[in-house]
Amino acid sequence: MTSIHIQRNHQMGHQGIRDLSERVASELAHRYQIRWRWQGNELRFKRAGASGLLLPETELITVQMKLGLVLMPMAKVIEIEIESQLDALLARQQV
């Protein structure tokens, strides 16, 4: 199994980053057929071959993902895509 770990600082506050996390999860659900739910302060997501969480904290957002064998060869591409999307969303929110 391959792991992806991404962290970004933000200035959106706790509720702002939590709302953004839900928007990200909804878009991922639509594009990649993931299922997601809140478990305490963690937004957990899952689909065939991948599972993970978004942890929105007051000044930091963390994405952790585990990829199964089928998606392992695409790990770097997936990581770059997540970083790109997350950076773009955070940049839009801080303007």
N, C-alpha and C. Protein backbone atom coordinates (compact mmCIF):
# COMPACT_ATOMS: atom_id res chain seq x y z
N MET A 1 0.83 -1.18 0.00
CA MET A 1 0.00 0.00 0.00
C MET A 1 0.88 1.24 0.00
N THR A 2 0.48 2.24 -0.75
CA THR A 2 1.19 3.51 -0.85
C THR A 2 0.41 4.59 -0.11
N SER A 3 1.13 5.47 0.57
CA SER A 3 0.49 6.55 1.32
C SER A 3 0.83 7.90 0.71
N ILE A 4 -0.12 8.81 0.78
CA ILE A 4 0.05 10.20 0.36
C ILE A 4 -0.24 11.04 1.59
N HIS A 5 0.60 12.02 1.85
CA HIS A 5 0.42 12.91 3.01
C HIS A 5 0.70 14.34 2.54
N ILE A 6 -0.30 15.20 2.66
CA ILE A 6 -0.18 16.59 2.22
C ILE A 6 -0.68 17.50 3.33
N GLN A 7 0.06 18.57 3.60
CA GLN A 7 -0.38 19.57 4.58
C GLN A 7 -0.23 20.95 3.98
N ARG A 8 -1.20 21.79 4.28
CA ARG A 8 -1.15 23.18 3.84
C ARG A 8 -1.62 24.08 4.97
N ASN A 9 -0.96 25.21 5.12
CA ASN A 9 -1.42 26.25 6.05
C ASN A 9 -2.53 27.04 5.36
N HIS A 10 -3.39 27.63 6.16
CA HIS A 10 -4.45 28.48 5.62
C HIS A 10 -4.81 29.53 6.66
N GLN A 11 -5.61 30.49 6.24
CA GLN A 11 -6.06 31.56 7.14
C GLN A 11 -7.58 31.67 7.12
N MET A 12 -8.27 30.56 6.94
CA MET A 12 -9.72 30.56 6.78
C MET A 12 -10.47 30.36 8.10
N GLY A 13 -9.77 30.01 9.16
CA GLY A 13 -10.46 29.70 10.40
C GLY A 13 -11.05 28.30 10.35
N HIS A 14 -11.50 27.82 11.49
CA HIS A 14 -11.97 26.44 11.58
C HIS A 14 -13.22 26.18 10.73
N GLN A 15 -14.23 27.03 10.85
CA GLN A 15 -15.47 26.78 10.10
C GLN A 15 -15.26 26.95 8.60
N GLY A 16 -14.46 27.93 8.20
CA GLY A 16 -14.19 28.14 6.79
C GLY A 16 -13.51 26.94 6.15
N ILE A 17 -12.52 26.37 6.82
CA ILE A 17 -11.80 25.22 6.25
C ILE A 17 -12.67 23.97 6.31
N ARG A 18 -13.53 23.88 7.30
CA ARG A 18 -14.47 22.75 7.38
C ARG A 18 -15.46 22.80 6.21
N ASP A 19 -15.99 23.98 5.92
CA ASP A 19 -16.90 24.15 4.79
C ASP A 19 -16.19 23.83 3.47
N LEU A 20 -14.95 24.29 3.33
CA LEU A 20 -14.17 24.01 2.13
C LEU A 20 -13.94 22.50 1.99
N SER A 21 -13.68 21.83 3.09
CA SER A 21 -13.47 20.37 3.07
C SER A 21 -14.70 19.66 2.54
N GLU A 22 -15.88 20.11 2.93
CA GLU A 22 -17.11 19.50 2.43
C GLU A 22 -17.28 19.74 0.94
N ARG A 23 -16.93 20.93 0.48
CA ARG A 23 -17.02 21.21 -0.96
C ARG A 23 -16.06 20.32 -1.74
N VAL A 24 -14.84 20.15 -1.21
CA VAL A 24 -13.86 19.27 -1.86
C VAL A 24 -14.40 17.84 -1.91
N ALA A 25 -14.93 17.35 -0.79
CA ALA A 25 -15.44 15.99 -0.73
C ALA A 25 -16.61 15.79 -1.68
N SER A 26 -17.49 16.77 -1.78
CA SER A 26 -18.63 16.67 -2.70
C SER A 26 -18.16 16.60 -4.15
N GLU A 27 -17.15 17.41 -4.48
CA GLU A 27 -16.62 17.37 -5.85
C GLU A 27 -15.94 16.03 -6.14
N LEU A 28 -15.17 15.54 -5.17
CA LEU A 28 -14.53 14.23 -5.35
C LEU A 28 -15.57 13.13 -5.50
N ALA A 29 -16.63 13.21 -4.74
CA ALA A 29 -17.70 12.21 -4.83
C ALA A 29 -18.29 12.20 -6.23
N HIS A 30 -18.48 13.37 -6.78
CA HIS A 30 -19.04 13.48 -8.12
C HIS A 30 -18.06 12.98 -9.19
N ARG A 31 -16.80 13.40 -9.08
CA ARG A 31 -15.81 13.07 -10.11
C ARG A 31 -15.25 11.64 -10.01
N TYR A 32 -15.09 11.15 -8.78
CA TYR A 32 -14.37 9.88 -8.59
C TYR A 32 -15.16 8.82 -7.83
N GLN A 33 -16.44 9.06 -7.63
CA GLN A 33 -17.31 8.09 -6.97
C GLN A 33 -16.82 7.68 -5.57
N ILE A 34 -16.41 8.66 -4.80
CA ILE A 34 -16.03 8.35 -3.42
C ILE A 34 -17.25 8.52 -2.52
N ARG A 35 -17.18 7.89 -1.39
CA ARG A 35 -18.16 8.10 -0.32
C ARG A 35 -17.42 8.83 0.79
N TRP A 36 -18.09 9.75 1.46
CA TRP A 36 -17.43 10.48 2.54
C TRP A 36 -18.40 10.72 3.68
N ARG A 37 -17.81 10.94 4.86
CA ARG A 37 -18.61 11.24 6.05
C ARG A 37 -17.70 11.88 7.09
N TRP A 38 -18.31 12.65 7.97
CA TRP A 38 -17.57 13.21 9.09
C TRP A 38 -17.50 12.18 10.20
N GLN A 39 -16.34 12.02 10.78
CA GLN A 39 -16.13 11.20 11.96
C GLN A 39 -15.40 12.10 12.96
N GLY A 40 -16.15 12.72 13.84
CA GLY A 40 -15.57 13.72 14.72
C GLY A 40 -15.13 14.91 13.89
N ASN A 41 -13.87 15.31 14.00
CA ASN A 41 -13.34 16.43 13.22
C ASN A 41 -12.66 15.99 11.93
N GLU A 42 -12.72 14.70 11.62
CA GLU A 42 -12.09 14.18 10.39
C GLU A 42 -13.15 13.91 9.34
N LEU A 43 -12.87 14.34 8.12
CA LEU A 43 -13.71 14.00 6.99
C LEU A 43 -13.08 12.78 6.34
N ARG A 44 -13.71 11.64 6.49
CA ARG A 44 -13.17 10.38 5.96
C ARG A 44 -13.79 10.08 4.60
N PHE A 45 -12.97 9.56 3.68
CA PHE A 45 -13.47 9.21 2.36
C PHE A 45 -12.94 7.85 1.93
N LYS A 46 -13.68 7.23 1.01
CA LYS A 46 -13.33 5.88 0.58
C LYS A 46 -13.90 5.61 -0.81
N ARG A 47 -13.17 4.83 -1.56
CA ARG A 47 -13.62 4.30 -2.84
C ARG A 47 -12.80 3.05 -3.12
N ALA A 48 -13.15 2.32 -4.13
CA ALA A 48 -12.39 1.12 -4.46
C ALA A 48 -10.93 1.49 -4.70
N GLY A 49 -10.03 0.89 -3.95
CA GLY A 49 -8.60 1.11 -4.14
C GLY A 49 -8.00 2.29 -3.40
N ALA A 50 -8.82 3.04 -2.66
CA ALA A 50 -8.28 4.21 -1.95
C ALA A 50 -9.15 4.56 -0.75
N SER A 51 -8.50 5.05 0.29
CA SER A 51 -9.22 5.58 1.45
C SER A 51 -8.35 6.65 2.08
N GLY A 52 -8.99 7.52 2.85
CA GLY A 52 -8.20 8.56 3.48
C GLY A 52 -9.04 9.49 4.30
N LEU A 53 -8.42 10.63 4.63
CA LEU A 53 -9.12 11.62 5.43
C LEU A 53 -8.60 13.01 5.14
N LEU A 54 -9.47 13.97 5.38
CA LEU A 54 -9.13 15.39 5.40
C LEU A 54 -9.28 15.81 6.85
N LEU A 55 -8.26 16.44 7.40
CA LEU A 55 -8.32 16.92 8.76
C LEU A 55 -8.21 18.45 8.73
N PRO A 56 -9.37 19.14 8.82
CA PRO A 56 -9.35 20.60 8.79
C PRO A 56 -9.15 21.17 10.19
N GLU A 57 -8.04 21.81 10.39
CA GLU A 57 -7.76 22.44 11.68
C GLU A 57 -7.75 23.96 11.48
N THR A 58 -7.70 24.70 12.55
CA THR A 58 -7.84 26.15 12.50
C THR A 58 -6.87 26.81 11.53
N GLU A 59 -5.62 26.39 11.48
CA GLU A 59 -4.65 27.02 10.57
C GLU A 59 -3.95 26.04 9.64
N LEU A 60 -4.40 24.78 9.63
CA LEU A 60 -3.73 23.74 8.85
C LEU A 60 -4.77 22.76 8.33
N ILE A 61 -4.59 22.31 7.09
CA ILE A 61 -5.41 21.23 6.56
C ILE A 61 -4.47 20.10 6.16
N THR A 62 -4.85 18.90 6.53
CA THR A 62 -4.04 17.72 6.24
C THR A 62 -4.87 16.74 5.41
N VAL A 63 -4.25 16.20 4.38
CA VAL A 63 -4.86 15.15 3.57
C VAL A 63 -3.98 13.92 3.70
N GLN A 64 -4.57 12.81 4.11
CA GLN A 64 -3.87 11.54 4.18
C GLN A 64 -4.66 10.54 3.35
N MET A 65 -3.95 9.79 2.52
CA MET A 65 -4.62 8.84 1.64
C MET A 65 -3.77 7.59 1.51
N LYS A 66 -4.44 6.45 1.48
CA LYS A 66 -3.78 5.18 1.22
C LYS A 66 -4.32 4.63 -0.08
N LEU A 67 -3.40 4.21 -0.95
CA LEU A 67 -3.78 3.66 -2.24
C LEU A 67 -3.51 2.16 -2.26
N GLY A 68 -4.44 1.41 -2.81
CA GLY A 68 -4.27 -0.02 -2.97
C GLY A 68 -3.40 -0.35 -4.17
N LEU A 69 -3.22 -1.62 -4.42
CA LEU A 69 -2.32 -2.08 -5.47
C LEU A 69 -2.67 -1.53 -6.85
N VAL A 70 -3.94 -1.46 -7.17
CA VAL A 70 -4.35 -1.01 -8.50
C VAL A 70 -3.95 0.44 -8.75
N LEU A 71 -4.05 1.28 -7.73
CA LEU A 71 -3.74 2.70 -7.91
C LEU A 71 -2.29 3.07 -7.58
N MET A 72 -1.52 2.14 -7.05
CA MET A 72 -0.12 2.43 -6.70
C MET A 72 0.70 3.04 -7.83
N PRO A 73 0.59 2.53 -9.06
CA PRO A 73 1.40 3.12 -10.13
C PRO A 73 1.05 4.58 -10.43
N MET A 74 -0.13 5.01 -10.01
CA MET A 74 -0.58 6.37 -10.28
C MET A 74 -0.40 7.28 -9.07
N ALA A 75 0.32 6.84 -8.04
CA ALA A 75 0.43 7.58 -6.79
C ALA A 75 0.94 9.01 -6.99
N LYS A 76 2.00 9.19 -7.76
CA LYS A 76 2.58 10.53 -7.94
C LYS A 76 1.60 11.44 -8.68
N VAL A 77 0.93 10.92 -9.69
CA VAL A 77 -0.05 11.70 -10.44
C VAL A 77 -1.21 12.12 -9.53
N ILE A 78 -1.68 11.19 -8.71
CA ILE A 78 -2.77 11.48 -7.77
C ILE A 78 -2.32 12.54 -6.76
N GLU A 79 -1.12 12.39 -6.23
CA GLU A 79 -0.60 13.37 -5.26
C GLU A 79 -0.50 14.76 -5.87
N ILE A 80 0.03 14.85 -7.07
CA ILE A 80 0.17 16.15 -7.75
C ILE A 80 -1.21 16.76 -8.00
N GLU A 81 -2.18 15.96 -8.40
CA GLU A 81 -3.54 16.45 -8.65
C GLU A 81 -4.18 16.98 -7.37
N ILE A 82 -4.03 16.26 -6.28
CA ILE A 82 -4.58 16.71 -4.99
C ILE A 82 -3.92 18.02 -4.58
N GLU A 83 -2.59 18.08 -4.66
CA GLU A 83 -1.88 19.32 -4.29
C GLU A 83 -2.34 20.49 -5.14
N SER A 84 -2.46 20.28 -6.43
CA SER A 84 -2.86 21.34 -7.34
C SER A 84 -4.27 21.84 -7.02
N GLN A 85 -5.20 20.92 -6.84
CA GLN A 85 -6.58 21.31 -6.54
C GLN A 85 -6.68 22.00 -5.19
N LEU A 86 -6.00 21.47 -4.19
CA LEU A 86 -6.04 22.05 -2.86
C LEU A 86 -5.43 23.46 -2.86
N ASP A 87 -4.29 23.61 -3.53
CA ASP A 87 -3.64 24.92 -3.60
C ASP A 87 -4.55 25.93 -4.31
N ALA A 88 -5.19 25.52 -5.39
CA ALA A 88 -6.08 26.41 -6.13
C ALA A 88 -7.28 26.83 -5.27
N LEU A 89 -7.88 25.89 -4.57
CA LEU A 89 -9.03 26.20 -3.72
C LEU A 89 -8.63 27.14 -2.57
N LEU A 90 -7.50 26.87 -1.96
CA LEU A 90 -7.05 27.74 -0.86
C LEU A 90 -6.71 29.14 -1.36
N ALA A 91 -6.10 29.23 -2.53
CA ALA A 91 -5.76 30.54 -3.09
C ALA A 91 -7.01 31.35 -3.38
N ARG A 92 -8.05 30.72 -3.91
CA ARG A 92 -9.30 31.42 -4.20
C ARG A 92 -9.97 31.93 -2.94
N GLN A 93 -9.88 31.17 -1.87
CA GLN A 93 -10.53 31.55 -0.62
C GLN A 93 -9.81 32.68 0.10
N GLN A 94 -8.52 32.84 -0.16
CA GLN A 94 -7.74 33.85 0.56
C GLN A 94 -7.62 35.16 -0.19
N VAL A 95 -8.28 35.28 -1.32
CA VAL A 95 -8.24 36.52 -2.10
C VAL A 95 -9.20 37.52 -1.52
